[in-house]
Amino acid sequence: MKKILIFYASYGGGHLSAARSIKEYIEENHSDVETSLVDCVKYVNKSLNKLTTTAYNEMAKKMPWAWGRVYSKSQKGALAKISTTSNKIMSLKLNKLLQEYKPDIVISTHPFGSQMCAVLKRRGKINSKIATIMTDYAPHDQWLVESDLTDYFFVAHDGMKDALIKKGIDKNKIFATGIPLSNRFLKSYNKEEILKNFGLKPNKKTILFFAGR
């Protein structure tokens, strides 16, 4: 039986949502595959995970402009170097899980998972295939750290594929598939019935507002 390990990180709900959708699809369509879903940052350091996810959530809610600056600064410079160095150190603990589970392929919906696995692969600790699911609409540089060790990149659109090629990524490793969604979005519904249930008029445009995760 093939084994697939799916890594995510709890910085916002998107990484987890994409990871769950991938796991759901594999389980429904491939009975000969075993999957496991793991928060890679929480696994290597629970205290760091709690601190950083709390900081992220507070900044995203109360100071989105500040989070925007952190996101931008983490591409290059001191902050990027700190992030990359810490991932190299944390990869040593992640190796324990990889040696126990022995996955055929590791899928990451957050750059930290891909980085840590690539570091271990470079050191000869693992030989699993590495697939990165870029849950962004632009190629942030943290996704590309140790990118020569990543076997597959799945991106949101063709524009991202072109951007990665310009950054030197082999075009044969890049697939513009969109960001993974739950199978619930593939279901068909009766439009007239739904409008009637909610008291909406078919000749008027309906706008849905939502917030949170």
Foldseek 3Di string as FASTA:
>chain_A
DAEEEEEEALLACQQVQLSVQVVVVCVVPPVPYHYDYYHLVCQLPVVVSVVVSVVSVCCVVPPVVVVVVLLVPCLDDDNVVVLLVVLCVSLVSVLVVCVVRVHQEYEYADLSVQSSVLSCVVVVSHDHAYEYEDSDQADRNSNCHSVVRHQAYEHAAVVNLVVVVVVPDDSVRYHNDHRRHHCVVVDDDDPVVVCVVVVHDPVDDDDDDDDDD
